[in-house]
C-alpha atoms as a PDB file:
ATOM      1  CA  UNK A   1     -85.382  83.050-240.830  1.00  0.00           C
ATOM      2  CA  UNK A   2     -81.757  82.292-240.026  1.00  0.00           C
ATOM      3  CA  UNK A   3     -80.720  78.661-239.755  1.00  0.00           C
ATOM      4  CA  UNK A   4     -78.204  77.206-237.332  1.00  0.00           C
ATOM      5  CA  UNK A   5     -75.891  76.309-240.208  1.00  0.00           C
ATOM      6  CA  UNK A   6     -75.604  80.013-241.140  1.00  0.00           C
ATOM      7  CA  UNK A   7     -72.759  80.301-238.630  1.00  0.00           C
ATOM      8  CA  UNK A   8     -69.537  81.123-240.504  1.00  0.00           C
ATOM      9  CA  UNK A   9     -67.158  78.210-240.673  1.00  0.00           C
ATOM     10  CA  UNK A  10     -63.998  80.230-241.435  1.00  0.00           C
ATOM     11  CA  UNK A  11     -62.322  83.111-239.676  1.00  0.00           C
ATOM     12  CA  UNK A  12     -64.011  86.493-239.783  1.00  0.00           C
ATOM     13  CA  UNK A  13     -61.785  88.010-242.482  1.00  0.00           C
ATOM     14  CA  UNK A  14     -62.685  85.216-244.945  1.00  0.00           C
ATOM     15  CA  UNK A  15     -66.329  85.468-243.986  1.00  0.00           C
ATOM     16  CA  UNK A  16     -66.415  89.253-244.393  1.00  0.00           C
ATOM     17  CA  UNK A  17     -64.967  89.263-247.902  1.00  0.00           C
ATOM     18  CA  UNK A  18     -68.410  88.625-249.382  1.00  0.00           C
ATOM     19  CA  UNK A  19     -70.494  90.721-247.004  1.00  0.00           C
ATOM     20  CA  UNK A  20     -71.668  93.080-249.748  1.00  0.00           C
ATOM     21  CA  UNK A  21     -72.798  90.281-252.031  1.00  0.00           C
ATOM     22  CA  UNK A  22     -75.418  88.953-249.640  1.00  0.00           C
ATOM     23  CA  UNK A  23     -77.305  89.771-246.490  1.00  0.00           C
ATOM     24  CA  UNK A  24     -75.573  88.755-243.285  1.00  0.00           C
ATOM     25  CA  UNK A  25     -77.928  86.874-240.983  1.00  0.00           C
ATOM     26  CA  UNK A  26     -78.530  87.602-237.311  1.00  0.00           C
ATOM     27  CA  UNK A  27     -76.849  84.320-236.360  1.00  0.00           C
ATOM     28  CA  UNK A  28     -73.763  85.344-238.331  1.00  0.00           C
ATOM     29  CA  UNK A  29     -73.653  88.703-236.555  1.00  0.00           C
ATOM     30  CA  UNK A  30     -74.037  86.986-233.192  1.00  0.00           C
ATOM     31  CA  UNK A  31     -71.061  84.806-234.093  1.00  0.00           C
ATOM     32  CA  UNK A  32     -68.999  87.825-235.146  1.00  0.00           C
ATOM     33  CA  UNK A  33     -69.517  89.987-232.044  1.00  0.00           C
ATOM     34  CA  UNK A  34     -67.126  88.087-229.736  1.00  0.00           C
ATOM     35  CA  UNK A  35     -64.660  87.631-232.593  1.00  0.00           C
ATOM     36  CA  UNK A  36     -64.668  91.369-233.279  1.00  0.00           C
ATOM     37  CA  UNK A  37     -64.208  92.119-229.571  1.00  0.00           C
ATOM     38  CA  UNK A  38     -61.192  89.799-229.412  1.00  0.00           C
ATOM     39  CA  UNK A  39     -59.625  91.271-232.532  1.00  0.00           C
ATOM     40  CA  UNK A  40     -60.137  94.866-231.360  1.00  0.00           C
ATOM     41  CA  UNK A  41     -58.722  93.877-227.969  1.00  0.00           C
ATOM     42  CA  UNK A  42     -55.650  92.427-229.648  1.00  0.00           C
ATOM     43  CA  UNK A  43     -55.158  95.683-231.588  1.00  0.00           C
ATOM     44  CA  UNK A  44     -55.347  97.643-228.323  1.00  0.00           C
ATOM     45  CA  UNK A  45     -52.848  95.273-226.680  1.00  0.00           C
ATOM     46  CA  UNK A  46     -50.467  95.574-229.641  1.00  0.00           C
ATOM     47  CA  UNK A  47     -50.640  99.389-229.537  1.00  0.00           C
ATOM     48  CA  UNK A  48     -50.001  99.415-225.771  1.00  0.00           C
ATOM     49  CA  UNK A  49     -47.085  97.005-226.023  1.00  0.00           C
ATOM     50  CA  UNK A  50     -45.614  98.895-229.008  1.00  0.00           C
ATOM     51  CA  UNK A  51     -44.977 101.894-226.759  1.00  0.00           C
ATOM     52  CA  UNK A  52     -43.923  99.806-223.752  1.00  0.00           C
ATOM     53  CA  UNK A  53     -46.869 100.789-221.565  1.00  0.00           C
ATOM     54  CA  UNK A  54     -48.191  98.420-218.907  1.00  0.00           C
ATOM     55  CA  UNK A  55     -51.866  97.690-218.422  1.00  0.00           C
ATOM     56  CA  UNK A  56     -51.713  99.493-215.070  1.00  0.00           C
ATOM     57  CA  UNK A  57     -50.157 102.615-216.639  1.00  0.00           C
ATOM     58  CA  UNK A  58     -52.893 102.698-219.273  1.00  0.00           C
ATOM     59  CA  UNK A  59     -55.575 102.140-216.647  1.00  0.00           C
ATOM     60  CA  UNK A  60     -54.190 105.056-214.613  1.00  0.00           C
ATOM     61  CA  UNK A  61     -54.289 107.341-217.656  1.00  0.00           C
ATOM     62  CA  UNK A  62     -57.869 106.296-218.435  1.00  0.00           C
ATOM     63  CA  UNK A  63     -58.932 106.598-214.797  1.00  0.00           C
ATOM     64  CA  UNK A  64     -60.014 102.976-214.599  1.00  0.00           C
ATOM     65  CA  UNK A  65     -58.843  99.646-213.183  1.00  0.00           C
ATOM     66  CA  UNK A  66     -56.170  97.382-214.648  1.00  0.00           C
ATOM     67  CA  UNK A  67     -58.756  94.578-214.774  1.00  0.00           C
ATOM     68  CA  UNK A  68     -60.811  96.655-217.252  1.00  0.00           C
ATOM     69  CA  UNK A  69     -57.790  96.960-219.564  1.00  0.00           C
ATOM     70  CA  UNK A  70     -57.235  93.216-219.276  1.00  0.00           C
ATOM     71  CA  UNK A  71     -60.892  92.555-220.131  1.00  0.00           C
ATOM     72  CA  UNK A  72     -60.686  94.917-223.136  1.00  0.00           C
ATOM     73  CA  UNK A  73     -57.576  93.202-224.456  1.00  0.00           C
ATOM     74  CA  UNK A  74     -59.082  89.733-224.020  1.00  0.00           C
ATOM     75  CA  UNK A  75     -62.298  90.758-225.757  1.00  0.00           C
ATOM     76  CA  UNK A  76     -64.421  90.202-222.653  1.00  0.00           C
ATOM     77  CA  UNK A  77     -65.775  93.742-222.927  1.00  0.00           C
ATOM     78  CA  UNK A  78     -65.789  96.406-225.594  1.00  0.00           C
ATOM     79  CA  UNK A  79     -64.849 100.054-225.289  1.00  0.00           C
ATOM     80  CA  UNK A  80     -67.370 102.830-225.877  1.00  0.00           C
ATOM     81  CA  UNK A  81     -66.560 105.636-228.303  1.00  0.00           C
ATOM     82  CA  UNK A  82     -65.152 108.021-225.687  1.00  0.00           C
ATOM     83  CA  UNK A  83     -62.874 105.267-224.370  1.00  0.00           C
ATOM     84  CA  UNK A  84     -61.676 104.541-227.914  1.00  0.00           C
ATOM     85  CA  UNK A  85     -60.829 108.219-228.367  1.00  0.00           C
ATOM     86  CA  UNK A  86     -58.900 108.251-225.082  1.00  0.00           C
ATOM     87  CA  UNK A  87     -57.117 105.030-226.069  1.00  0.00           C
ATOM     88  CA  UNK A  88     -56.107 106.612-229.363  1.00  0.00           C
ATOM     89  CA  UNK A  89     -54.711 109.623-227.533  1.00  0.00           C
ATOM     90  CA  UNK A  90     -52.792 107.747-224.848  1.00  0.00           C
ATOM     91  CA  UNK A  91     -51.551 104.997-227.183  1.00  0.00           C
ATOM     92  CA  UNK A  92     -50.648 107.532-229.896  1.00  0.00           C
ATOM     93  CA  UNK A  93     -52.688 105.749-232.568  1.00  0.00           C
ATOM     94  CA  UNK A  94     -55.622 106.777-234.744  1.00  0.00           C
ATOM     95  CA  UNK A  95     -58.819 105.308-233.312  1.00  0.00           C
ATOM     96  CA  UNK A  96     -59.407 103.530-236.625  1.00  0.00           C
ATOM     97  CA  UNK A  97     -56.206 101.546-236.103  1.00  0.00           C
ATOM     98  CA  UNK A  98     -57.973  99.565-233.361  1.00  0.00           C
ATOM     99  CA  UNK A  99     -60.375  98.241-236.002  1.00  0.00           C
ATOM    100  CA  UNK A 100     -58.762  95.232-237.722  1.00  0.00           C
ATOM    101  CA  UNK A 101     -58.039  95.897-241.400  1.00  0.00           C
ATOM    102  CA  UNK A 102     -60.620  93.403-242.694  1.00  0.00           C
ATOM    103  CA  UNK A 103     -63.421  95.396-240.991  1.00  0.00           C
ATOM    104  CA  UNK A 104     -62.342  98.851-242.160  1.00  0.00           C
ATOM    105  CA  UNK A 105     -64.042  98.506-245.543  1.00  0.00           C
ATOM    106  CA  UNK A 106     -67.359  97.819-243.829  1.00  0.00           C
ATOM    107  CA  UNK A 107     -67.211 101.043-241.848  1.00  0.00           C
ATOM    108  CA  UNK A 108     -65.518 103.042-244.600  1.00  0.00           C
ATOM    109  CA  UNK A 109     -62.313 103.778-242.692  1.00  0.00           C
ATOM    110  CA  UNK A 110     -58.865 104.191-244.130  1.00  0.00           C
ATOM    111  CA  UNK A 111     -55.820 104.240-241.882  1.00  0.00           C
ATOM    112  CA  UNK A 112     -52.950 106.184-243.368  1.00  0.00           C
ATOM    113  CA  UNK A 113     -49.629 104.512-242.671  1.00  0.00           C
ATOM    114  CA  UNK A 114     -46.697 106.905-242.463  1.00  0.00           C
ATOM    115  CA  UNK A 115     -44.649 104.552-244.643  1.00  0.00           C
ATOM    116  CA  UNK A 116     -47.127 105.217-247.469  1.00  0.00           C
ATOM    117  CA  UNK A 117     -46.645 109.004-247.363  1.00  0.00           C
ATOM    118  CA  UNK A 118     -44.432 110.778-249.846  1.00  0.00           C
ATOM    119  CA  UNK A 119     -41.918 113.347-248.539  1.00  0.00           C
ATOM    120  CA  UNK A 120     -44.215 116.075-249.896  1.00  0.00           C
ATOM    121  CA  UNK A 121     -47.187 114.675-247.950  1.00  0.00           C
ATOM    122  CA  UNK A 122     -45.129 114.475-244.768  1.00  0.00           C
ATOM    123  CA  UNK A 123     -44.069 118.094-245.279  1.00  0.00           C
ATOM    124  CA  UNK A 124     -47.702 119.124-245.760  1.00  0.00           C
ATOM    125  CA  UNK A 125     -48.607 117.480-242.439  1.00  0.00           C
ATOM    126  CA  UNK A 126     -45.691 119.224-240.691  1.00  0.00           C
ATOM    127  CA  UNK A 127     -46.812 122.540-242.203  1.00  0.00           C
ATOM    128  CA  UNK A 128     -50.397 122.011-241.007  1.00  0.00           C
ATOM    129  CA  UNK A 129     -49.190 121.241-237.506  1.00  0.00           C
ATOM    130  CA  UNK A 130     -46.978 124.349-237.487  1.00  0.00           C
ATOM    131  CA  UNK A 131     -49.749 126.590-238.819  1.00  0.00           C
ATOM    132  CA  UNK A 132     -52.434 125.159-236.535  1.00  0.00           C
ATOM    133  CA  UNK A 133     -50.732 123.864-233.372  1.00  0.00           C
ATOM    134  CA  UNK A 134     -54.071 123.597-231.583  1.00  0.00           C
ATOM    135  CA  UNK A 135     -55.274 120.931-234.022  1.00  0.00           C
ATOM    136  CA  UNK A 136     -54.860 117.407-232.794  1.00  0.00           C
ATOM    137  CA  UNK A 137     -53.090 114.796-234.833  1.00  0.00           C
ATOM    138  CA  UNK A 138     -56.404 112.984-235.311  1.00  0.00           C
ATOM    139  CA  UNK A 139     -58.109 116.103-236.657  1.00  0.00           C
ATOM    140  CA  UNK A 140     -55.293 116.736-239.131  1.00  0.00           C
ATOM    141  CA  UNK A 141     -55.532 113.133-240.344  1.00  0.00           C
ATOM    142  CA  UNK A 142     -59.319 113.506-240.636  1.00  0.00           C
ATOM    143  CA  UNK A 143     -58.852 116.632-242.773  1.00  0.00           C
ATOM    144  CA  UNK A 144     -56.337 114.848-244.989  1.00  0.00           C
ATOM    145  CA  UNK A 145     -58.615 111.815-245.364  1.00  0.00           C
ATOM    146  CA  UNK A 146     -61.460 114.144-246.357  1.00  0.00           C
ATOM    147  CA  UNK A 147     -59.282 115.662-249.064  1.00  0.00           C
ATOM    148  CA  UNK A 148     -58.267 112.212-250.324  1.00  0.00           C
ATOM    149  CA  UNK A 149     -61.887 110.990-250.266  1.00  0.00           C
ATOM    150  CA  UNK A 150     -62.980 114.090-252.191  1.00  0.00           C
ATOM    151  CA  UNK A 151     -60.264 113.555-254.799  1.00  0.00           C
ATOM    152  CA  UNK A 152     -61.266 109.903-255.188  1.00  0.00           C
ATOM    153  CA  UNK A 153     -64.926 110.865-255.694  1.00  0.00           C
ATOM    154  CA  UNK A 154     -63.975 113.482-258.296  1.00  0.00           C
ATOM    155  CA  UNK A 155     -61.806 110.917-260.098  1.00  0.00           C
ATOM    156  CA  UNK A 156     -64.686 108.421-260.034  1.00  0.00           C
ATOM    157  CA  UNK A 157     -67.112 110.972-261.444  1.00  0.00           C
ATOM    158  CA  UNK A 158     -64.698 112.017-264.170  1.00  0.00           C
ATOM    159  CA  UNK A 159     -63.984 108.385-265.078  1.00  0.00           C
ATOM    160  CA  UNK A 160     -67.718 107.628-265.356  1.00  0.00           C
ATOM    161  CA  UNK A 161     -68.570 110.693-267.426  1.00  0.00           C
ATOM    162  CA  UNK A 162     -69.750 109.756-270.868  1.00  0.00           C
ATOM    163  CA  UNK A 163     -70.185 106.088-269.971  1.00  0.00           C
ATOM    164  CA  UNK A 164     -73.666 104.685-270.558  1.00  0.00           C
END
Protein backbone atom coordinates (compact mmCIF):
# COMPACT_ATOMS: atom_id res chain seq x y z
CA UNK A 1 0.00 0.00 0.00
CA UNK A 2 1.32 3.42 -0.97
CA UNK A 3 2.07 5.89 1.80
CA UNK A 4 1.52 9.63 1.70
CA UNK A 5 5.27 10.22 1.93
CA UNK A 6 5.77 8.35 -1.38
CA UNK A 7 5.12 11.63 -3.19
CA UNK A 8 8.30 12.68 -5.03
CA UNK A 9 10.04 15.60 -3.41
CA UNK A 10 12.11 16.66 -6.45
CA UNK A 11 11.17 17.57 -9.98
CA UNK A 12 9.98 14.81 -12.28
CA UNK A 13 13.24 14.39 -14.20
CA UNK A 14 15.17 13.65 -10.97
CA UNK A 15 12.41 11.35 -9.79
CA UNK A 16 12.26 9.45 -13.08
CA UNK A 17 15.98 8.68 -13.21
CA UNK A 18 15.49 5.65 -10.98
CA UNK A 19 12.14 4.45 -12.30
CA UNK A 20 13.56 1.14 -13.53
CA UNK A 21 15.21 0.32 -10.23
CA UNK A 22 11.97 0.21 -8.27
CA UNK A 23 8.23 0.11 -8.64
CA UNK A 24 6.57 3.49 -8.92
CA UNK A 25 3.61 3.77 -6.56
CA UNK A 26 0.11 4.92 -7.47
CA UNK A 27 0.58 8.07 -5.38
CA UNK A 28 3.75 8.88 -7.32
CA UNK A 29 1.92 8.44 -10.63
CA UNK A 30 -0.91 10.65 -9.40
CA UNK A 31 1.67 13.31 -8.58
CA UNK A 32 3.29 12.98 -12.01
CA UNK A 33 0.15 13.29 -14.16
CA UNK A 34 -0.31 17.07 -13.80
CA UNK A 35 3.45 17.59 -14.03
CA UNK A 36 3.58 15.62 -17.28
CA UNK A 37 0.61 17.57 -18.66
CA UNK A 38 2.34 20.87 -17.89
CA UNK A 39 5.62 19.77 -19.43
CA UNK A 40 3.94 18.45 -22.60
CA UNK A 41 1.95 21.69 -22.79
CA UNK A 42 5.15 23.70 -22.55
CA UNK A 43 6.66 21.65 -25.40
CA UNK A 44 3.58 22.37 -27.54
CA UNK A 45 3.80 26.09 -26.70
CA UNK A 46 7.51 26.17 -27.57
CA UNK A 47 6.88 24.46 -30.92
CA UNK A 48 4.04 26.88 -31.74
CA UNK A 49 6.08 29.93 -30.79
CA UNK A 50 9.14 28.65 -32.68
CA UNK A 51 7.23 29.00 -35.95
CA UNK A 52 5.50 32.24 -34.95
CA UNK A 53 1.99 30.79 -34.89
CA UNK A 54 -0.66 32.22 -32.58
CA UNK A 55 -2.92 30.08 -30.44
CA UNK A 56 -5.87 31.16 -32.59
CA UNK A 57 -4.10 30.15 -35.82
CA UNK A 58 -3.33 26.72 -34.37
CA UNK A 59 -6.89 26.35 -33.10
CA UNK A 60 -8.22 27.18 -36.58
CA UNK A 61 -5.98 24.54 -38.16
CA UNK A 62 -7.08 21.94 -35.60
CA UNK A 63 -10.74 22.93 -35.93
CA UNK A 64 -11.05 23.79 -32.26
CA UNK A 65 -11.24 26.83 -29.97
CA UNK A 66 -8.33 29.01 -28.87
CA UNK A 67 -9.26 28.24 -25.25
CA UNK A 68 -8.50 24.54 -25.89
CA UNK A 69 -5.00 25.43 -27.12
CA UNK A 70 -4.51 27.60 -24.04
CA UNK A 71 -5.64 24.75 -21.78
CA UNK A 72 -3.28 22.31 -23.56
CA UNK A 73 -0.32 24.66 -23.16
CA UNK A 74 -1.08 25.27 -19.48
CA UNK A 75 -1.43 21.55 -18.79
CA UNK A 76 -5.10 21.84 -17.83
CA UNK A 77 -5.99 19.18 -20.38
CA UNK A 78 -4.07 16.63 -22.39
CA UNK A 79 -4.26 15.91 -26.09
CA UNK A 80 -5.42 12.55 -27.43
CA UNK A 81 -3.28 10.68 -29.94
CA UNK A 82 -5.02 12.05 -33.04
CA UNK A 83 -4.60 15.60 -31.73
CA UNK A 84 -0.90 14.95 -31.09
CA UNK A 85 -0.51 13.76 -34.67
CA UNK A 86 -2.26 16.88 -35.98
CA UNK A 87 -0.11 19.06 -33.71
CA UNK A 88 3.01 17.41 -35.09
CA UNK A 89 1.85 18.10 -38.64
CA UNK A 90 0.82 21.72 -38.15
CA UNK A 91 3.76 22.60 -35.88
CA UNK A 92 6.22 20.76 -38.16
CA UNK A 93 7.61 18.63 -35.32
CA UNK A 94 7.77 14.89 -34.69
CA UNK A 95 5.06 13.91 -32.23
CA UNK A 96 7.74 12.52 -29.92
CA UNK A 97 9.22 16.00 -29.57
CA UNK A 98 6.22 16.98 -27.44
CA UNK A 99 7.33 14.41 -24.86
CA UNK A 100 9.98 15.99 -22.61
CA UNK A 101 13.38 14.32 -23.00
CA UNK A 102 13.40 12.82 -19.49
CA UNK A 103 10.26 10.79 -20.33
CA UNK A 104 11.41 9.48 -23.71
CA UNK A 105 13.40 6.62 -22.21
CA UNK A 106 10.29 5.36 -20.43
CA UNK A 107 8.32 5.11 -23.66
CA UNK A 108 11.29 4.07 -25.78
CA UNK A 109 11.29 7.11 -28.06
CA UNK A 110 14.27 8.72 -29.69
CA UNK A 111 13.97 12.12 -31.34
CA UNK A 112 16.51 12.62 -34.08
CA UNK A 113 17.87 16.15 -34.09
CA UNK A 114 18.96 17.39 -37.50
CA UNK A 115 22.15 18.77 -35.96
CA UNK A 116 23.14 15.19 -35.11
CA UNK A 117 22.86 13.97 -38.72
CA UNK A 118 25.91 13.54 -40.89
CA UNK A 119 25.83 14.97 -44.44
CA UNK A 120 25.45 11.40 -45.72
CA UNK A 121 22.41 10.82 -43.48
CA UNK A 122 20.84 14.08 -44.62
CA UNK A 123 21.40 13.04 -48.24
CA UNK A 124 19.77 9.67 -47.55
CA UNK A 125 16.69 11.44 -46.16
CA UNK A 126 16.55 13.75 -49.20
CA UNK A 127 16.84 10.71 -51.48
CA UNK A 128 14.01 8.92 -49.66
CA UNK A 129 11.79 11.96 -49.97
CA UNK A 130 12.57 12.27 -53.70
CA UNK A 131 11.97 8.56 -54.34
CA UNK A 132 8.80 8.39 -52.24
CA UNK A 133 7.19 11.85 -52.25
CA UNK A 134 3.95 10.44 -50.85
CA UNK A 135 5.69 9.43 -47.61
CA UNK A 136 5.28 11.89 -44.80
CA UNK A 137 8.24 13.26 -42.93
CA UNK A 138 7.11 11.35 -39.84
CA UNK A 139 6.98 8.05 -41.72
CA UNK A 140 10.47 8.56 -43.13
CA UNK A 141 11.79 9.30 -39.63
CA UNK A 142 9.99 6.20 -38.32
CA UNK A 143 11.67 4.08 -41.02
CA UNK A 144 15.07 5.55 -40.18
CA UNK A 145 14.54 4.98 -36.44
CA UNK A 146 13.61 1.36 -37.18
CA UNK A 147 16.86 0.90 -39.09
CA UNK A 148 18.86 2.48 -36.25
CA UNK A 149 17.04 0.37 -33.63
CA UNK A 150 17.72 -2.77 -35.67
CA UNK A 151 21.41 -1.90 -35.98
CA UNK A 152 21.64 -1.27 -32.23
CA UNK A 153 20.03 -4.65 -31.47
CA UNK A 154 22.41 -6.43 -33.85
CA UNK A 155 25.37 -4.67 -32.22
CA UNK A 156 24.09 -5.68 -28.78
CA UNK A 157 23.70 -9.30 -29.84
CA UNK A 158 27.15 -9.39 -31.41
CA UNK A 159 28.71 -7.78 -28.33
CA UNK A 160 27.07 -10.35 -26.04
CA UNK A 161 28.00 -13.37 -28.13
CA UNK A 162 30.39 -15.63 -26.31
CA UNK A 163 29.83 -13.91 -22.97
CA UNK A 164 28.66 -16.17 -20.15
